[in-house]
Amino acid sequence: MATLRAAETARRRMAEVLRRAGAHAIEVAQVTRGGRKVYAVIAHFTKRPRRPLPKVIEVRSGPKTLRVPLVVRITERFRPEVPP
C-alpha cells in the first residue's frame, strides 16, 4: 500500500521524467485501487504522452520496496482568469 510519504518521494523522483514527457502538472492524491484507498502520483497532460509511462513507481522505504500508482489524466493547462 502506498503511503503519502512514499507517494511524495515518488513524485519528487519522477517529476523531471514526467515533465520531459509533457506533463504540465504533477500532484499526489488519494485514489481507489482494488477497493482500497492508496496515495498515487497523478500526472496531467494536454494529450496522451508519446512514450508509454509505467503504471507504478517503485520507491524504497527502509528494507521495503513500495509500489506507488502513476495515474495519467488528460486535462487542459491552467489559465488564470483575466478580470474585465
N, C-alpha and C. Protein backbone atom coordinates (compact mmCIF):
# COMPACT_ATOMS: atom_id res chain seq x y z
N MET A 1 0.84 -1.18 0.00
CA MET A 1 0.00 0.00 0.00
C MET A 1 0.89 1.24 0.00
N ALA A 2 0.56 2.19 -0.85
CA ALA A 2 1.36 3.41 -0.96
C ALA A 2 0.92 4.43 0.08
N THR A 3 1.88 4.88 0.85
CA THR A 3 1.61 5.90 1.86
C THR A 3 1.82 7.28 1.25
N LEU A 4 1.39 8.30 1.96
CA LEU A 4 1.58 9.67 1.49
C LEU A 4 3.08 9.96 1.34
N ARG A 5 3.86 9.54 2.29
CA ARG A 5 5.32 9.78 2.23
C ARG A 5 5.94 9.11 1.00
N ALA A 6 5.55 7.86 0.72
CA ALA A 6 6.08 7.15 -0.44
C ALA A 6 5.65 7.83 -1.73
N ALA A 7 4.40 8.29 -1.79
CA ALA A 7 3.90 8.96 -2.99
C ALA A 7 4.62 10.29 -3.22
N GLU A 8 4.89 11.03 -2.17
CA GLU A 8 5.63 12.30 -2.31
C GLU A 8 7.05 12.03 -2.78
N THR A 9 7.68 10.97 -2.27
CA THR A 9 9.02 10.60 -2.71
C THR A 9 9.01 10.22 -4.18
N ALA A 10 8.02 9.43 -4.59
CA ALA A 10 7.90 9.02 -5.99
C ALA A 10 7.69 10.24 -6.89
N ARG A 11 6.88 11.19 -6.45
CA ARG A 11 6.64 12.41 -7.23
C ARG A 11 7.93 13.19 -7.44
N ARG A 12 8.69 13.35 -6.36
CA ARG A 12 9.96 14.09 -6.47
C ARG A 12 10.92 13.39 -7.43
N ARG A 13 11.01 12.06 -7.34
CA ARG A 13 11.96 11.31 -8.17
C ARG A 13 11.55 11.27 -9.64
N MET A 14 10.27 11.27 -9.94
CA MET A 14 9.79 11.15 -11.32
C MET A 14 9.42 12.48 -11.95
N ALA A 15 9.45 13.57 -11.21
CA ALA A 15 8.96 14.86 -11.72
C ALA A 15 9.63 15.26 -13.03
N GLU A 16 10.94 15.18 -13.10
CA GLU A 16 11.64 15.61 -14.31
C GLU A 16 11.32 14.70 -15.50
N VAL A 17 11.23 13.41 -15.27
CA VAL A 17 10.87 12.47 -16.34
C VAL A 17 9.47 12.78 -16.86
N LEU A 18 8.54 13.05 -15.96
CA LEU A 18 7.17 13.36 -16.36
C LEU A 18 7.10 14.69 -17.09
N ARG A 19 7.86 15.68 -16.64
CA ARG A 19 7.89 16.98 -17.33
C ARG A 19 8.41 16.83 -18.75
N ARG A 20 9.50 16.06 -18.90
CA ARG A 20 10.06 15.84 -20.24
C ARG A 20 9.08 15.09 -21.14
N ALA A 21 8.21 14.29 -20.55
CA ALA A 21 7.20 13.56 -21.32
C ALA A 21 6.00 14.45 -21.66
N GLY A 22 5.96 15.68 -21.11
CA GLY A 22 4.91 16.62 -21.45
C GLY A 22 3.92 16.94 -20.35
N ALA A 23 4.15 16.47 -19.13
CA ALA A 23 3.21 16.77 -18.03
C ALA A 23 3.28 18.25 -17.69
N HIS A 24 2.12 18.88 -17.55
CA HIS A 24 2.10 20.29 -17.17
C HIS A 24 1.76 20.47 -15.69
N ALA A 25 1.33 19.40 -15.02
CA ALA A 25 1.08 19.45 -13.58
C ALA A 25 1.28 18.04 -13.02
N ILE A 26 1.80 17.98 -11.80
CA ILE A 26 2.04 16.70 -11.13
C ILE A 26 1.57 16.86 -9.69
N GLU A 27 0.75 15.93 -9.23
CA GLU A 27 0.22 16.01 -7.87
C GLU A 27 0.22 14.64 -7.21
N VAL A 28 -0.02 14.64 -5.91
CA VAL A 28 -0.23 13.42 -5.14
C VAL A 28 -1.63 13.50 -4.57
N ALA A 29 -2.41 12.44 -4.75
CA ALA A 29 -3.77 12.41 -4.24
C ALA A 29 -4.16 10.97 -3.92
N GLN A 30 -5.21 10.84 -3.13
CA GLN A 30 -5.72 9.52 -2.79
C GLN A 30 -6.61 9.01 -3.93
N VAL A 31 -6.39 7.75 -4.32
CA VAL A 31 -7.20 7.10 -5.34
C VAL A 31 -7.64 5.74 -4.81
N THR A 32 -8.62 5.15 -5.47
CA THR A 32 -9.07 3.81 -5.08
C THR A 32 -8.49 2.81 -6.07
N ARG A 33 -7.81 1.81 -5.56
CA ARG A 33 -7.23 0.74 -6.37
C ARG A 33 -7.59 -0.58 -5.71
N GLY A 34 -8.30 -1.42 -6.43
CA GLY A 34 -8.67 -2.72 -5.88
C GLY A 34 -9.54 -2.61 -4.64
N GLY A 35 -10.38 -1.59 -4.59
CA GLY A 35 -11.26 -1.41 -3.45
C GLY A 35 -10.60 -0.78 -2.23
N ARG A 36 -9.32 -0.42 -2.35
CA ARG A 36 -8.60 0.20 -1.24
C ARG A 36 -8.15 1.60 -1.62
N LYS A 37 -8.14 2.48 -0.65
CA LYS A 37 -7.65 3.84 -0.89
C LYS A 37 -6.14 3.87 -0.67
N VAL A 38 -5.45 4.35 -1.69
CA VAL A 38 -3.99 4.50 -1.63
C VAL A 38 -3.62 5.85 -2.20
N TYR A 39 -2.41 6.29 -1.92
CA TYR A 39 -1.92 7.53 -2.50
C TYR A 39 -1.25 7.21 -3.83
N ALA A 40 -1.42 8.12 -4.80
CA ALA A 40 -0.86 7.93 -6.14
C ALA A 40 -0.27 9.24 -6.63
N VAL A 41 0.64 9.13 -7.59
CA VAL A 41 1.16 10.28 -8.30
C VAL A 41 0.26 10.46 -9.52
N ILE A 42 -0.27 11.67 -9.69
CA ILE A 42 -1.16 11.97 -10.82
C ILE A 42 -0.46 13.00 -11.71
N ALA A 43 -0.25 12.62 -12.97
CA ALA A 43 0.41 13.50 -13.93
C ALA A 43 -0.63 13.98 -14.94
N HIS A 44 -0.71 15.30 -15.11
CA HIS A 44 -1.67 15.90 -16.03
C HIS A 44 -0.99 16.27 -17.34
N PHE A 45 -1.58 15.82 -18.45
CA PHE A 45 -1.07 16.09 -19.79
C PHE A 45 -2.19 16.73 -20.62
N THR A 46 -1.82 17.54 -21.62
CA THR A 46 -2.84 18.09 -22.51
C THR A 46 -3.25 17.06 -23.56
N LYS A 47 -2.34 16.12 -23.87
CA LYS A 47 -2.66 15.00 -24.76
C LYS A 47 -1.85 13.79 -24.31
N ARG A 48 -2.24 12.62 -24.77
CA ARG A 48 -1.55 11.38 -24.35
C ARG A 48 -0.05 11.47 -24.61
N PRO A 49 0.76 11.04 -23.65
CA PRO A 49 2.21 11.05 -23.88
C PRO A 49 2.58 10.09 -25.01
N ARG A 50 3.58 10.45 -25.78
CA ARG A 50 4.01 9.60 -26.91
C ARG A 50 4.63 8.30 -26.44
N ARG A 51 5.45 8.40 -25.41
CA ARG A 51 6.10 7.20 -24.87
C ARG A 51 5.24 6.61 -23.76
N PRO A 52 5.19 5.30 -23.67
CA PRO A 52 4.44 4.70 -22.56
C PRO A 52 5.11 5.01 -21.22
N LEU A 53 4.30 5.25 -20.22
CA LEU A 53 4.79 5.52 -18.87
C LEU A 53 4.49 4.31 -17.99
N PRO A 54 5.27 4.10 -16.93
CA PRO A 54 4.99 2.97 -16.05
C PRO A 54 3.66 3.14 -15.32
N LYS A 55 3.02 2.05 -14.98
CA LYS A 55 1.76 2.10 -14.22
C LYS A 55 2.03 2.33 -12.74
N VAL A 56 3.23 1.96 -12.28
CA VAL A 56 3.62 2.15 -10.89
C VAL A 56 5.05 2.68 -10.82
N ILE A 57 5.34 3.38 -9.73
CA ILE A 57 6.68 3.86 -9.45
C ILE A 57 7.13 3.16 -8.17
N GLU A 58 8.27 2.51 -8.22
CA GLU A 58 8.77 1.81 -7.04
C GLU A 58 9.71 2.72 -6.26
N VAL A 59 9.48 2.79 -4.95
CA VAL A 59 10.35 3.56 -4.06
C VAL A 59 10.71 2.69 -2.86
N ARG A 60 11.93 2.89 -2.37
CA ARG A 60 12.36 2.12 -1.20
C ARG A 60 12.11 2.92 0.06
N SER A 61 11.60 2.20 1.07
CA SER A 61 11.39 2.78 2.38
C SER A 61 12.01 1.82 3.38
N GLY A 62 13.25 2.11 3.77
CA GLY A 62 13.97 1.16 4.62
C GLY A 62 14.21 -0.12 3.84
N PRO A 63 13.87 -1.26 4.42
CA PRO A 63 14.08 -2.52 3.71
C PRO A 63 12.96 -2.85 2.72
N LYS A 64 11.88 -2.08 2.74
CA LYS A 64 10.72 -2.37 1.88
C LYS A 64 10.80 -1.60 0.56
N THR A 65 10.24 -2.21 -0.47
CA THR A 65 10.03 -1.52 -1.74
C THR A 65 8.53 -1.33 -1.89
N LEU A 66 8.10 -0.07 -1.98
CA LEU A 66 6.68 0.24 -2.10
C LEU A 66 6.36 0.60 -3.54
N ARG A 67 5.18 0.21 -3.99
CA ARG A 67 4.72 0.48 -5.35
C ARG A 67 3.66 1.58 -5.29
N VAL A 68 3.97 2.71 -5.90
CA VAL A 68 3.07 3.87 -5.92
C VAL A 68 2.43 3.94 -7.31
N PRO A 69 1.09 3.91 -7.39
CA PRO A 69 0.45 4.01 -8.70
C PRO A 69 0.74 5.35 -9.37
N LEU A 70 0.88 5.31 -10.71
CA LEU A 70 1.02 6.52 -11.51
C LEU A 70 -0.23 6.62 -12.37
N VAL A 71 -0.97 7.72 -12.21
CA VAL A 71 -2.21 7.95 -12.95
C VAL A 71 -1.97 9.07 -13.95
N VAL A 72 -2.35 8.84 -15.21
CA VAL A 72 -2.22 9.86 -16.25
C VAL A 72 -3.61 10.42 -16.51
N ARG A 73 -3.73 11.74 -16.43
CA ARG A 73 -5.01 12.41 -16.71
C ARG A 73 -4.79 13.41 -17.84
N ILE A 74 -5.77 13.45 -18.74
CA ILE A 74 -5.72 14.41 -19.85
C ILE A 74 -6.57 15.61 -19.44
N THR A 75 -5.91 16.75 -19.25
CA THR A 75 -6.59 17.97 -18.80
C THR A 75 -6.01 19.16 -19.54
N GLU A 76 -6.77 20.24 -19.57
CA GLU A 76 -6.27 21.48 -20.16
C GLU A 76 -5.30 22.14 -19.19
N ARG A 77 -4.37 22.85 -19.76
CA ARG A 77 -3.42 23.62 -18.96
C ARG A 77 -4.18 24.73 -18.24
N PHE A 78 -3.80 25.02 -17.02
CA PHE A 78 -4.47 26.07 -16.24
C PHE A 78 -4.23 27.43 -16.88
N ARG A 79 -5.30 28.20 -16.97
CA ARG A 79 -5.20 29.58 -17.46
C ARG A 79 -5.89 30.48 -16.46
N PRO A 80 -5.18 31.42 -15.86
CA PRO A 80 -5.82 32.31 -14.89
C PRO A 80 -6.85 33.19 -15.57
N GLU A 81 -7.89 33.49 -14.85
CA GLU A 81 -8.91 34.39 -15.39
C GLU A 81 -8.38 35.81 -15.37
N VAL A 82 -8.69 36.54 -16.43
CA VAL A 82 -8.27 37.93 -16.53
C VAL A 82 -9.48 38.79 -16.24
N PRO A 83 -9.40 39.66 -15.24
CA PRO A 83 -10.55 40.50 -14.94
C PRO A 83 -10.88 41.43 -16.10
N PRO A 84 -12.16 41.73 -16.30
CA PRO A 84 -12.56 42.62 -17.42
C PRO A 84 -12.06 44.04 -17.25
